[in-house]
Amino acid sequence: MASLAVSSALSISLLSYIIPPRVAHICMRESGLSEQARPSRGGSLAMGLFDGVKDAFTTGSDKPIVSEDRVTPFDRWLGLDKDITASEQKTESVTYVDPSDVQNYVTVQISKPMGLAFVENGGECGGVFVDEVLESGTAASAAPPIVTGDQLVAVDSTLVTGWEFDAALDAIKASSSDTTRLVFFRGPTAFLYGPTKPTDEWYQANLM
């Protein structure tokens, strides 16, 4: 019985040594310590339990595992290797749309209620774009047509690029004529508000 008790105590001690208390592990995460920075409790024996498993699956270099390396012989046997490789090599390309070309702008003259739902651009650039064209408004039959994603640039003779949501809508509400002239840029936000952003003088000379 005595030897059994000693053996049980030794097993519990070793288990406590290998698996640190959960509270201590959580505190390390909260304090910002990484797994590699975990305090050692016995020199070389403090190696992580899964370090050997991690090394078995590394490529032996700093290069990331490419899609071809992820394909297993079983995938090839099932004929899935080409699909896996192709799916990981797909990249999205964005065609440059010049904001200094008047051909990339749409101008419409519509009355109220317009039936346009606007959303403010994310980030610091400001400005609003068309989120939806409602069938109940005059915008649905505008010529040329207004489409989702069009960036609002001007209302009548007022340039509204970079304006906050409420200010841009107030400019539309303030229009007292029978119809309101709206100018839209049809292209990615990054080109309209990025390094290629036209000057106010360019807008006044070409679109206003």
N, C-alpha and C. Protein backbone atom coordinates (compact mmCIF):
# COMPACT_ATOMS: atom_id res chain seq x y z
N MET A 1 0.82 -1.20 0.00
CA MET A 1 0.00 0.00 0.00
C MET A 1 0.86 1.26 0.00
N ALA A 2 1.95 1.19 0.78
CA ALA A 2 2.82 2.36 0.87
C ALA A 2 3.45 2.67 -0.47
N SER A 3 3.90 1.60 -1.19
CA SER A 3 4.52 1.82 -2.49
C SER A 3 3.51 2.36 -3.49
N LEU A 4 2.26 1.90 -3.39
CA LEU A 4 1.21 2.40 -4.28
C LEU A 4 0.94 3.87 -4.04
N ALA A 5 0.94 4.29 -2.79
CA ALA A 5 0.70 5.70 -2.45
C ALA A 5 1.82 6.58 -2.97
N VAL A 6 3.08 6.07 -2.82
CA VAL A 6 4.23 6.84 -3.31
C VAL A 6 4.17 6.98 -4.82
N SER A 7 3.78 5.86 -5.49
CA SER A 7 3.68 5.90 -6.96
C SER A 7 2.61 6.86 -7.41
N SER A 8 1.47 6.89 -6.72
CA SER A 8 0.38 7.81 -7.08
C SER A 8 0.80 9.24 -6.88
N ALA A 9 1.47 9.51 -5.78
CA ALA A 9 1.92 10.87 -5.50
C ALA A 9 2.92 11.34 -6.53
N LEU A 10 3.82 10.40 -6.94
CA LEU A 10 4.81 10.76 -7.95
C LEU A 10 4.15 11.05 -9.28
N SER A 11 3.12 10.26 -9.64
CA SER A 11 2.41 10.49 -10.90
C SER A 11 1.72 11.83 -10.90
N ILE A 12 1.09 12.18 -9.79
CA ILE A 12 0.40 13.47 -9.68
C ILE A 12 1.40 14.61 -9.78
N SER A 13 2.58 14.42 -9.16
CA SER A 13 3.61 15.46 -9.18
C SER A 13 4.10 15.68 -10.60
N LEU A 14 4.36 14.57 -11.33
CA LEU A 14 4.83 14.71 -12.70
C LEU A 14 3.78 15.34 -13.59
N LEU A 15 2.50 14.98 -13.37
CA LEU A 15 1.42 15.56 -14.16
C LEU A 15 1.32 17.05 -13.93
N SER A 16 1.47 17.48 -12.69
CA SER A 16 1.42 18.91 -12.36
C SER A 16 2.59 19.64 -12.99
N TYR A 17 3.72 18.94 -13.13
CA TYR A 17 4.90 19.57 -13.70
C TYR A 17 4.73 19.78 -15.21
N ILE A 18 4.17 18.76 -15.86
CA ILE A 18 4.04 18.83 -17.31
C ILE A 18 2.95 19.78 -17.74
N ILE A 19 1.80 19.78 -17.06
CA ILE A 19 0.66 20.63 -17.42
C ILE A 19 0.53 21.74 -16.40
N PRO A 20 0.97 22.96 -16.68
CA PRO A 20 0.89 24.07 -15.73
C PRO A 20 -0.55 24.37 -15.37
N PRO A 21 -0.77 24.94 -14.20
CA PRO A 21 -2.13 25.31 -13.80
C PRO A 21 -2.76 26.25 -14.81
N ARG A 22 -4.07 26.09 -15.09
CA ARG A 22 -4.77 26.90 -16.08
C ARG A 22 -4.74 28.37 -15.73
N VAL A 23 -4.82 28.69 -14.45
CA VAL A 23 -4.83 30.09 -14.03
C VAL A 23 -3.54 30.78 -14.42
N ALA A 24 -2.42 30.10 -14.22
CA ALA A 24 -1.13 30.69 -14.57
C ALA A 24 -1.03 30.90 -16.07
N HIS A 25 -1.55 29.94 -16.86
CA HIS A 25 -1.49 30.07 -18.32
C HIS A 25 -2.32 31.26 -18.80
N ILE A 26 -3.48 31.44 -18.22
CA ILE A 26 -4.33 32.57 -18.60
C ILE A 26 -3.66 33.89 -18.23
N CYS A 27 -3.04 33.95 -17.07
CA CYS A 27 -2.36 35.19 -16.65
C CYS A 27 -1.23 35.54 -17.60
N MET A 28 -0.53 34.54 -18.14
CA MET A 28 0.54 34.82 -19.08
C MET A 28 -0.01 35.42 -20.35
N ARG A 29 -1.15 34.92 -20.82
CA ARG A 29 -1.76 35.49 -22.01
C ARG A 29 -2.16 36.93 -21.76
N GLU A 30 -2.73 37.19 -20.60
CA GLU A 30 -3.18 38.55 -20.31
C GLU A 30 -2.01 39.51 -20.16
N SER A 31 -0.88 38.99 -19.72
CA SER A 31 0.27 39.88 -19.54
C SER A 31 1.06 40.06 -20.82
N GLY A 32 0.67 39.34 -21.90
CA GLY A 32 1.31 39.54 -23.18
C GLY A 32 2.48 38.62 -23.42
N LEU A 33 2.72 37.62 -22.58
CA LEU A 33 3.83 36.72 -22.78
C LEU A 33 3.47 35.67 -23.81
N SER A 34 4.41 35.37 -24.71
CA SER A 34 4.18 34.34 -25.71
C SER A 34 4.51 32.98 -25.11
N GLU A 35 4.21 31.91 -25.86
CA GLU A 35 4.49 30.57 -25.39
C GLU A 35 5.99 30.38 -25.20
N GLN A 36 6.80 30.97 -26.07
CA GLN A 36 8.24 30.81 -25.97
C GLN A 36 8.81 31.56 -24.78
N ALA A 37 8.09 32.55 -24.30
CA ALA A 37 8.57 33.34 -23.17
C ALA A 37 8.10 32.77 -21.85
N ARG A 38 7.45 31.60 -21.86
CA ARG A 38 6.95 31.02 -20.62
C ARG A 38 8.10 30.68 -19.71
N PRO A 39 8.03 31.03 -18.41
CA PRO A 39 9.13 30.75 -17.49
C PRO A 39 9.43 29.27 -17.43
N SER A 40 10.72 28.91 -17.42
CA SER A 40 11.14 27.53 -17.34
C SER A 40 11.07 27.04 -15.90
N ARG A 41 10.67 25.76 -15.74
CA ARG A 41 10.57 25.20 -14.39
C ARG A 41 11.52 24.02 -14.25
N GLY A 42 12.56 23.98 -15.06
CA GLY A 42 13.48 22.87 -14.90
C GLY A 42 14.47 22.75 -16.05
N GLY A 43 14.89 23.87 -16.60
CA GLY A 43 15.89 23.86 -17.65
C GLY A 43 15.39 23.20 -18.92
N SER A 44 16.12 22.18 -19.40
CA SER A 44 15.80 21.56 -20.68
C SER A 44 14.48 20.82 -20.65
N LEU A 45 13.99 20.41 -19.50
CA LEU A 45 12.73 19.68 -19.42
C LEU A 45 11.53 20.57 -19.63
N ALA A 46 11.72 21.89 -19.75
CA ALA A 46 10.60 22.82 -19.93
C ALA A 46 10.17 22.92 -21.38
N MET A 47 10.71 22.08 -22.28
CA MET A 47 10.31 22.11 -23.68
C MET A 47 8.83 21.80 -23.80
N GLY A 48 8.12 22.47 -24.71
CA GLY A 48 6.69 22.26 -24.88
C GLY A 48 6.39 20.83 -25.28
N LEU A 49 5.22 20.36 -24.91
CA LEU A 49 4.83 18.98 -25.18
C LEU A 49 4.76 18.70 -26.67
N PHE A 50 4.40 19.71 -27.49
CA PHE A 50 4.17 19.51 -28.91
C PHE A 50 5.28 20.05 -29.79
N ASP A 51 6.43 20.36 -29.19
CA ASP A 51 7.53 20.90 -29.99
C ASP A 51 8.00 19.91 -31.04
N GLY A 52 8.06 18.64 -30.67
CA GLY A 52 8.49 17.61 -31.62
C GLY A 52 7.52 17.46 -32.77
N VAL A 53 6.24 17.56 -32.47
CA VAL A 53 5.22 17.47 -33.52
C VAL A 53 5.32 18.66 -34.45
N LYS A 54 5.57 19.85 -33.90
CA LYS A 54 5.70 21.06 -34.71
C LYS A 54 6.88 20.94 -35.66
N ASP A 55 8.02 20.43 -35.16
CA ASP A 55 9.19 20.29 -36.00
C ASP A 55 8.99 19.30 -37.13
N ALA A 56 8.16 18.30 -36.89
CA ALA A 56 7.92 17.28 -37.91
C ALA A 56 7.18 17.84 -39.11
N PHE A 57 6.43 18.91 -38.90
CA PHE A 57 5.62 19.48 -39.98
C PHE A 57 6.18 20.78 -40.53
N THR A 58 7.35 21.20 -40.11
CA THR A 58 7.95 22.39 -40.67
C THR A 58 8.72 22.05 -41.92
N THR A 59 8.95 23.06 -42.76
CA THR A 59 9.63 22.84 -44.03
C THR A 59 11.14 22.90 -43.92
N GLY A 60 11.63 23.30 -42.74
CA GLY A 60 13.07 23.39 -42.58
C GLY A 60 13.63 24.70 -43.06
N SER A 61 12.79 25.64 -43.42
CA SER A 61 13.24 26.95 -43.86
C SER A 61 12.20 27.98 -43.47
N ASP A 62 12.50 29.25 -43.73
CA ASP A 62 11.58 30.31 -43.38
C ASP A 62 10.49 30.50 -44.42
N LYS A 63 10.55 29.77 -45.55
CA LYS A 63 9.56 29.93 -46.60
C LYS A 63 8.24 29.31 -46.19
N PRO A 64 7.10 29.96 -46.48
CA PRO A 64 5.80 29.38 -46.15
C PRO A 64 5.50 28.18 -47.01
N ILE A 65 4.62 27.33 -46.51
CA ILE A 65 4.23 26.15 -47.26
C ILE A 65 3.34 26.59 -48.42
N VAL A 66 3.74 26.26 -49.63
CA VAL A 66 2.96 26.65 -50.80
C VAL A 66 1.86 25.64 -51.02
N SER A 67 0.93 25.98 -51.93
CA SER A 67 -0.25 25.15 -52.12
C SER A 67 0.12 23.75 -52.58
N GLU A 68 1.18 23.60 -53.43
CA GLU A 68 1.56 22.29 -53.90
C GLU A 68 2.00 21.38 -52.77
N ASP A 69 2.62 21.95 -51.72
CA ASP A 69 3.06 21.14 -50.59
C ASP A 69 1.91 20.68 -49.73
N ARG A 70 0.77 21.34 -49.83
CA ARG A 70 -0.39 20.94 -49.03
C ARG A 70 -1.17 19.79 -49.67
N VAL A 71 -0.89 19.54 -50.94
CA VAL A 71 -1.60 18.47 -51.64
C VAL A 71 -1.02 17.13 -51.23
N THR A 72 -1.87 16.23 -50.76
CA THR A 72 -1.44 14.91 -50.32
C THR A 72 -1.59 13.90 -51.45
N PRO A 73 -0.92 12.76 -51.35
CA PRO A 73 -1.12 11.70 -52.37
C PRO A 73 -2.58 11.28 -52.48
N PHE A 74 -3.30 11.32 -51.37
CA PHE A 74 -4.72 10.96 -51.40
C PHE A 74 -5.50 11.97 -52.24
N ASP A 75 -5.13 13.26 -52.15
CA ASP A 75 -5.79 14.29 -52.96
C ASP A 75 -5.53 14.03 -54.44
N ARG A 76 -4.30 13.65 -54.77
CA ARG A 76 -3.98 13.37 -56.16
C ARG A 76 -4.74 12.15 -56.66
N TRP A 77 -4.89 11.14 -55.80
CA TRP A 77 -5.61 9.93 -56.18
C TRP A 77 -7.07 10.23 -56.48
N LEU A 78 -7.65 11.19 -55.73
CA LEU A 78 -9.04 11.58 -55.94
C LEU A 78 -9.18 12.61 -57.05
N GLY A 79 -8.05 13.11 -57.55
CA GLY A 79 -8.12 14.11 -58.59
C GLY A 79 -8.41 15.50 -58.08
N LEU A 80 -8.14 15.76 -56.80
CA LEU A 80 -8.45 17.06 -56.19
C LEU A 80 -7.25 17.99 -56.19
N ASP A 81 -6.09 17.52 -56.62
CA ASP A 81 -4.88 18.34 -56.50
C ASP A 81 -4.95 19.62 -57.32
N LYS A 82 -5.50 19.55 -58.53
CA LYS A 82 -5.57 20.75 -59.37
C LYS A 82 -6.55 21.76 -58.79
N ASP A 83 -7.65 21.29 -58.23
CA ASP A 83 -8.63 22.20 -57.65
C ASP A 83 -8.07 22.92 -56.44
N ILE A 84 -7.32 22.19 -55.60
CA ILE A 84 -6.74 22.80 -54.39
C ILE A 84 -5.71 23.85 -54.77
N THR A 85 -4.84 23.51 -55.74
CA THR A 85 -3.81 24.45 -56.16
C THR A 85 -4.41 25.69 -56.80
N ALA A 86 -5.41 25.49 -57.65
CA ALA A 86 -6.03 26.61 -58.36
C ALA A 86 -6.76 27.53 -57.41
N SER A 87 -7.42 26.98 -56.39
CA SER A 87 -8.20 27.79 -55.46
C SER A 87 -7.32 28.69 -54.62
N GLU A 88 -6.09 28.25 -54.33
CA GLU A 88 -5.19 29.04 -53.50
C GLU A 88 -4.38 30.04 -54.31
N GLN A 89 -4.36 29.86 -55.64
CA GLN A 89 -3.59 30.78 -56.48
C GLN A 89 -4.44 31.87 -57.08
N LYS A 90 -5.76 31.86 -56.79
CA LYS A 90 -6.62 32.90 -57.31
C LYS A 90 -6.32 34.22 -56.63
N THR A 91 -6.15 35.27 -57.38
CA THR A 91 -5.92 36.61 -56.84
C THR A 91 -6.88 37.58 -57.51
N GLU A 92 -7.30 38.54 -56.72
CA GLU A 92 -8.21 39.54 -57.24
C GLU A 92 -7.41 40.71 -57.82
N SER A 93 -7.75 41.13 -59.01
CA SER A 93 -7.10 42.26 -59.64
C SER A 93 -8.10 43.39 -59.81
N VAL A 94 -7.63 44.60 -59.58
CA VAL A 94 -8.48 45.78 -59.70
C VAL A 94 -7.98 46.62 -60.85
N THR A 95 -8.84 46.89 -61.80
CA THR A 95 -8.47 47.71 -62.94
C THR A 95 -8.49 49.18 -62.54
N TYR A 96 -7.44 49.88 -62.90
CA TYR A 96 -7.34 51.30 -62.53
C TYR A 96 -8.37 52.12 -63.30
N VAL A 97 -9.10 52.93 -62.55
CA VAL A 97 -10.08 53.84 -63.14
C VAL A 97 -9.60 55.27 -62.83
N ASP A 98 -9.26 56.01 -63.86
CA ASP A 98 -8.68 57.33 -63.69
C ASP A 98 -9.74 58.34 -63.24
N PRO A 99 -9.61 58.91 -62.03
CA PRO A 99 -10.57 59.90 -61.57
C PRO A 99 -10.40 61.26 -62.24
N SER A 100 -9.35 61.41 -63.06
CA SER A 100 -9.15 62.66 -63.80
C SER A 100 -9.64 62.55 -65.24
N ASP A 101 -10.41 61.51 -65.51
CA ASP A 101 -11.00 61.32 -66.83
C ASP A 101 -12.52 61.49 -66.70
N VAL A 102 -13.07 62.47 -67.40
CA VAL A 102 -14.50 62.77 -67.27
C VAL A 102 -15.37 61.61 -67.75
N GLN A 103 -14.79 60.70 -68.54
CA GLN A 103 -15.54 59.55 -69.01
C GLN A 103 -15.92 58.60 -67.88
N ASN A 104 -15.26 58.73 -66.74
CA ASN A 104 -15.52 57.85 -65.60
C ASN A 104 -16.52 58.46 -64.62
N TYR A 105 -17.20 59.51 -65.05
CA TYR A 105 -18.21 60.15 -64.21
C TYR A 105 -19.57 60.06 -64.88
N VAL A 106 -20.59 60.00 -64.05
CA VAL A 106 -21.97 59.93 -64.52
C VAL A 106 -22.73 61.12 -63.95
N THR A 107 -23.43 61.84 -64.81
CA THR A 107 -24.22 62.99 -64.38
C THR A 107 -25.69 62.75 -64.70
N VAL A 108 -26.55 62.92 -63.69
CA VAL A 108 -27.99 62.72 -63.88
C VAL A 108 -28.74 63.93 -63.35
N GLN A 109 -29.93 64.12 -63.85
CA GLN A 109 -30.80 65.19 -63.39
C GLN A 109 -32.13 64.54 -63.01
N ILE A 110 -32.38 64.41 -61.71
CA ILE A 110 -33.59 63.71 -61.25
C ILE A 110 -34.33 64.53 -60.21
N SER A 111 -35.59 64.21 -60.05
CA SER A 111 -36.44 64.92 -59.09
C SER A 111 -36.61 64.09 -57.81
N LYS A 112 -37.22 64.69 -56.83
CA LYS A 112 -37.49 64.00 -55.57
C LYS A 112 -38.93 63.47 -55.58
N PRO A 113 -39.16 62.34 -54.91
CA PRO A 113 -38.21 61.50 -54.14
C PRO A 113 -37.33 60.67 -55.07
N MET A 114 -36.05 60.68 -54.77
CA MET A 114 -35.09 60.02 -55.64
C MET A 114 -35.06 58.51 -55.48
N GLY A 115 -35.24 58.05 -54.24
CA GLY A 115 -35.15 56.61 -53.99
C GLY A 115 -33.73 56.09 -54.00
N LEU A 116 -32.82 56.88 -53.45
CA LEU A 116 -31.42 56.48 -53.36
C LEU A 116 -31.03 56.26 -51.90
N ALA A 117 -30.40 55.13 -51.63
CA ALA A 117 -29.89 54.85 -50.29
C ALA A 117 -28.37 55.00 -50.32
N PHE A 118 -27.86 55.92 -49.52
CA PHE A 118 -26.43 56.19 -49.48
C PHE A 118 -25.81 55.60 -48.22
N VAL A 119 -24.51 55.28 -48.32
CA VAL A 119 -23.73 54.80 -47.18
C VAL A 119 -22.41 55.55 -47.19
N GLU A 120 -21.94 55.91 -45.99
CA GLU A 120 -20.67 56.63 -45.89
C GLU A 120 -19.50 55.66 -46.07
N ASN A 121 -18.47 56.12 -46.77
CA ASN A 121 -17.26 55.31 -46.95
C ASN A 121 -16.58 55.06 -45.61
N GLY A 122 -15.98 53.89 -45.48
CA GLY A 122 -15.23 53.60 -44.27
C GLY A 122 -13.88 54.29 -44.28
N GLY A 123 -13.21 54.29 -43.14
CA GLY A 123 -11.91 54.94 -43.05
C GLY A 123 -12.02 56.44 -42.87
N GLU A 124 -10.97 57.14 -43.23
CA GLU A 124 -10.89 58.58 -43.00
C GLU A 124 -11.22 59.42 -44.23
N CYS A 125 -11.49 58.76 -45.37
CA CYS A 125 -11.68 59.55 -46.59
C CYS A 125 -13.02 60.29 -46.61
N GLY A 126 -14.03 59.75 -45.93
CA GLY A 126 -15.35 60.38 -45.95
C GLY A 126 -16.02 60.15 -47.30
N GLY A 127 -17.04 60.92 -47.55
CA GLY A 127 -17.79 60.76 -48.79
C GLY A 127 -18.82 59.65 -48.68
N VAL A 128 -19.77 59.64 -49.61
CA VAL A 128 -20.83 58.63 -49.59
C VAL A 128 -20.94 57.99 -50.98
N PHE A 129 -21.49 56.77 -50.97
CA PHE A 129 -21.71 56.07 -52.23
C PHE A 129 -23.11 55.47 -52.23
N VAL A 130 -23.58 55.10 -53.40
CA VAL A 130 -24.93 54.53 -53.54
C VAL A 130 -24.91 53.08 -53.07
N ASP A 131 -25.72 52.80 -52.07
CA ASP A 131 -25.83 51.43 -51.57
C ASP A 131 -26.98 50.68 -52.23
N GLU A 132 -28.03 51.42 -52.62
CA GLU A 132 -29.19 50.78 -53.24
C GLU A 132 -29.99 51.81 -54.04
N VAL A 133 -30.49 51.37 -55.16
CA VAL A 133 -31.39 52.19 -55.96
C VAL A 133 -32.78 51.59 -55.83
N LEU A 134 -33.68 52.30 -55.17
CA LEU A 134 -35.02 51.79 -54.89
C LEU A 134 -35.92 51.97 -56.11
N GLU A 135 -36.76 50.99 -56.35
CA GLU A 135 -37.66 51.04 -57.50
C GLU A 135 -38.73 52.12 -57.35
N SER A 136 -38.97 52.55 -56.12
CA SER A 136 -40.04 53.52 -55.87
C SER A 136 -39.64 54.96 -56.19
N GLY A 137 -38.35 55.22 -56.46
CA GLY A 137 -37.89 56.58 -56.70
C GLY A 137 -37.58 56.87 -58.16
N THR A 138 -37.31 58.13 -58.44
CA THR A 138 -37.01 58.55 -59.81
C THR A 138 -35.64 58.06 -60.27
N ALA A 139 -34.76 57.73 -59.33
CA ALA A 139 -33.42 57.27 -59.70
C ALA A 139 -33.46 55.95 -60.46
N ALA A 140 -34.51 55.18 -60.25
CA ALA A 140 -34.62 53.87 -60.90
C ALA A 140 -34.72 54.00 -62.42
N SER A 141 -35.22 55.14 -62.90
CA SER A 141 -35.38 55.34 -64.35
C SER A 141 -34.44 56.42 -64.87
N ALA A 142 -33.39 56.73 -64.10
CA ALA A 142 -32.46 57.78 -64.51
C ALA A 142 -31.67 57.33 -65.74
N ALA A 143 -31.33 58.30 -66.57
CA ALA A 143 -30.52 58.03 -67.76
C ALA A 143 -29.38 59.05 -67.80
N PRO A 144 -28.14 58.58 -67.76
CA PRO A 144 -27.71 57.18 -67.65
C PRO A 144 -28.07 56.59 -66.29
N PRO A 145 -28.12 55.27 -66.20
CA PRO A 145 -28.56 54.65 -64.94
C PRO A 145 -27.57 54.85 -63.80
N ILE A 146 -28.10 54.93 -62.59
CA ILE A 146 -27.29 54.98 -61.38
C ILE A 146 -27.16 53.55 -60.86
N VAL A 147 -25.96 53.14 -60.49
CA VAL A 147 -25.76 51.77 -60.04
C VAL A 147 -25.14 51.76 -58.64
N THR A 148 -25.30 50.64 -57.97
CA THR A 148 -24.73 50.47 -56.64
C THR A 148 -23.21 50.62 -56.70
N GLY A 149 -22.67 51.40 -55.78
CA GLY A 149 -21.24 51.64 -55.72
C GLY A 149 -20.82 52.97 -56.28
N ASP A 150 -21.72 53.67 -57.00
CA ASP A 150 -21.38 54.99 -57.53
C ASP A 150 -21.06 55.95 -56.39
N GLN A 151 -19.95 56.66 -56.51
CA GLN A 151 -19.52 57.62 -55.49
C GLN A 151 -20.09 59.00 -55.79
N LEU A 152 -20.80 59.56 -54.83
CA LEU A 152 -21.37 60.90 -55.01
C LEU A 152 -20.26 61.94 -54.96
N VAL A 153 -20.18 62.74 -56.01
CA VAL A 153 -19.12 63.74 -56.13
C VAL A 153 -19.66 65.16 -55.97
N ALA A 154 -20.82 65.43 -56.59
CA ALA A 154 -21.35 66.80 -56.55
C ALA A 154 -22.87 66.78 -56.54
N VAL A 155 -23.44 67.80 -55.90
CA VAL A 155 -24.88 68.03 -55.88
C VAL A 155 -25.10 69.44 -56.42
N ASP A 156 -25.75 69.51 -57.58
CA ASP A 156 -25.89 70.79 -58.28
C ASP A 156 -24.49 71.39 -58.50
N SER A 157 -24.23 72.55 -57.94
CA SER A 157 -22.91 73.17 -58.13
C SER A 157 -22.02 73.02 -56.90
N THR A 158 -22.38 72.11 -55.99
CA THR A 158 -21.63 71.93 -54.74
C THR A 158 -20.83 70.63 -54.79
N LEU A 159 -19.53 70.74 -54.56
CA LEU A 159 -18.66 69.57 -54.51
C LEU A 159 -18.77 68.94 -53.12
N VAL A 160 -19.11 67.64 -53.07
CA VAL A 160 -19.34 66.98 -51.78
C VAL A 160 -18.38 65.82 -51.53
N THR A 161 -17.29 65.72 -52.27
CA THR A 161 -16.33 64.65 -52.03
C THR A 161 -15.72 64.79 -50.63
N GLY A 162 -15.68 63.68 -49.90
CA GLY A 162 -15.11 63.70 -48.56
C GLY A 162 -16.05 64.18 -47.48
N TRP A 163 -17.27 64.54 -47.83
CA TRP A 163 -18.22 65.03 -46.84
C TRP A 163 -18.76 63.88 -45.99
N GLU A 164 -19.15 64.22 -44.77
CA GLU A 164 -19.79 63.24 -43.90
C GLU A 164 -21.20 62.93 -44.41
N PHE A 165 -21.74 61.82 -43.95
CA PHE A 165 -23.03 61.34 -44.43
C PHE A 165 -24.13 62.39 -44.31
N ASP A 166 -24.29 62.94 -43.13
CA ASP A 166 -25.38 63.91 -42.90
C ASP A 166 -25.21 65.16 -43.76
N ALA A 167 -23.98 65.63 -43.90
CA ALA A 167 -23.73 66.84 -44.68
C ALA A 167 -24.04 66.60 -46.16
N ALA A 168 -23.66 65.42 -46.67
CA ALA A 168 -23.93 65.12 -48.08
C ALA A 168 -25.42 65.03 -48.35
N LEU A 169 -26.17 64.40 -47.44
CA LEU A 169 -27.62 64.31 -47.62
C LEU A 169 -28.30 65.65 -47.46
N ASP A 170 -27.77 66.49 -46.58
CA ASP A 170 -28.33 67.84 -46.42
C ASP A 170 -28.17 68.65 -47.70
N ALA A 171 -27.09 68.41 -48.43
CA ALA A 171 -26.89 69.12 -49.69
C ALA A 171 -27.97 68.74 -50.70
N ILE A 172 -28.38 67.48 -50.69
CA ILE A 172 -29.46 67.03 -51.59
C ILE A 172 -30.79 67.62 -51.13
N LYS A 173 -31.02 67.61 -49.84
CA LYS A 173 -32.28 68.15 -49.31
C LYS A 173 -32.40 69.65 -49.58
N ALA A 174 -31.26 70.34 -49.59
CA ALA A 174 -31.27 71.80 -49.76
C ALA A 174 -31.56 72.21 -51.19
N SER A 175 -31.50 71.27 -52.12
CA SER A 175 -31.79 71.60 -53.52
C SER A 175 -33.27 71.94 -53.67
N SER A 176 -33.55 73.17 -54.11
CA SER A 176 -34.94 73.65 -54.17
C SER A 176 -35.53 73.64 -55.58
N SER A 177 -34.75 73.27 -56.56
CA SER A 177 -35.25 73.25 -57.94
C SER A 177 -36.09 71.99 -58.18
N ASP A 178 -36.77 71.96 -59.31
CA ASP A 178 -37.62 70.82 -59.63
C ASP A 178 -36.80 69.53 -59.78
N THR A 179 -35.64 69.65 -60.32
CA THR A 179 -34.74 68.51 -60.45
C THR A 179 -33.39 68.85 -59.83
N THR A 180 -32.68 67.81 -59.39
CA THR A 180 -31.37 67.99 -58.77
C THR A 180 -30.31 67.31 -59.63
N ARG A 181 -29.22 68.04 -59.85
CA ARG A 181 -28.12 67.49 -60.64
C ARG A 181 -27.15 66.75 -59.72
N LEU A 182 -26.96 65.46 -59.98
CA LEU A 182 -26.03 64.64 -59.20
C LEU A 182 -24.91 64.14 -60.11
N VAL A 183 -23.68 64.24 -59.59
CA VAL A 183 -22.52 63.75 -60.32
C VAL A 183 -21.90 62.61 -59.52
N PHE A 184 -21.65 61.48 -60.20
CA PHE A 184 -21.09 60.30 -59.55
C PHE A 184 -19.79 59.89 -60.23
N PHE A 185 -18.88 59.37 -59.42
CA PHE A 185 -17.68 58.73 -59.96
C PHE A 185 -17.91 57.23 -59.94
N ARG A 186 -17.67 56.59 -61.08
CA ARG A 186 -17.88 55.14 -61.18
C ARG A 186 -16.52 54.45 -61.19
N GLY A 187 -16.07 54.10 -60.00
CA GLY A 187 -14.77 53.46 -59.84
C GLY A 187 -14.48 53.22 -58.37
N PRO A 188 -13.38 52.51 -58.07
CA PRO A 188 -13.02 52.21 -56.67
C PRO A 188 -12.76 53.46 -55.85
N THR A 189 -13.11 53.40 -54.59
CA THR A 189 -12.91 54.52 -53.67
C THR A 189 -11.44 54.92 -53.57
N ALA A 190 -10.55 53.92 -53.61
CA ALA A 190 -9.12 54.20 -53.44
C ALA A 190 -8.58 55.13 -54.51
N PHE A 191 -9.17 55.08 -55.70
CA PHE A 191 -8.68 55.96 -56.77
C PHE A 191 -9.25 57.36 -56.64
N LEU A 192 -10.48 57.45 -56.17
CA LEU A 192 -11.11 58.77 -56.04
C LEU A 192 -10.51 59.57 -54.90
N TYR A 193 -10.13 58.88 -53.80
CA TYR A 193 -9.62 59.58 -52.62
C TYR A 193 -8.15 59.31 -52.34
N GLY A 194 -7.49 58.55 -53.19
CA GLY A 194 -6.09 58.23 -52.98
C GLY A 194 -5.16 59.26 -53.58
N PRO A 195 -3.94 58.86 -53.89
CA PRO A 195 -2.94 59.79 -54.45
C PRO A 195 -3.36 60.38 -55.79
N THR A 196 -4.27 59.71 -56.52
CA THR A 196 -4.70 60.21 -57.83
C THR A 196 -5.94 61.10 -57.73
N LYS A 197 -6.31 61.48 -56.53
CA LYS A 197 -7.49 62.32 -56.33
C LYS A 197 -7.37 63.65 -57.08
N PRO A 198 -8.38 64.00 -57.87
CA PRO A 198 -8.33 65.29 -58.58
C PRO A 198 -8.44 66.46 -57.60
N THR A 199 -7.98 67.61 -58.03
CA THR A 199 -8.09 68.81 -57.22
C THR A 199 -9.49 69.41 -57.36
N ASP A 200 -9.85 70.26 -56.45
CA ASP A 200 -11.14 70.95 -56.54
C ASP A 200 -11.22 71.80 -57.81
N GLU A 201 -10.09 72.36 -58.20
CA GLU A 201 -10.05 73.17 -59.41
C GLU A 201 -10.38 72.32 -60.65
N TRP A 202 -9.88 71.07 -60.67
CA TRP A 202 -10.18 70.20 -61.79
C TRP A 202 -11.68 69.91 -61.87
N TYR A 203 -12.28 69.68 -60.71
CA TYR A 203 -13.74 69.42 -60.69
C TYR A 203 -14.51 70.64 -61.19
N GLN A 204 -14.11 71.81 -60.72
CA GLN A 204 -14.82 73.03 -61.14
C GLN A 204 -14.68 73.27 -62.63
N ALA A 205 -13.53 72.95 -63.20
CA ALA A 205 -13.31 73.20 -64.62
C ALA A 205 -13.94 72.15 -65.53
N ASN A 206 -14.12 70.92 -65.02
CA ASN A 206 -14.53 69.82 -65.90
C ASN A 206 -15.92 69.25 -65.62
N LEU A 207 -16.41 69.37 -64.39
CA LEU A 207 -17.66 68.69 -64.06
C LEU A 207 -18.75 69.58 -63.47
N MET A 208 -18.39 70.77 -63.03
CA MET A 208 -19.37 71.57 -62.32
C MET A 208 -20.10 72.54 -63.27
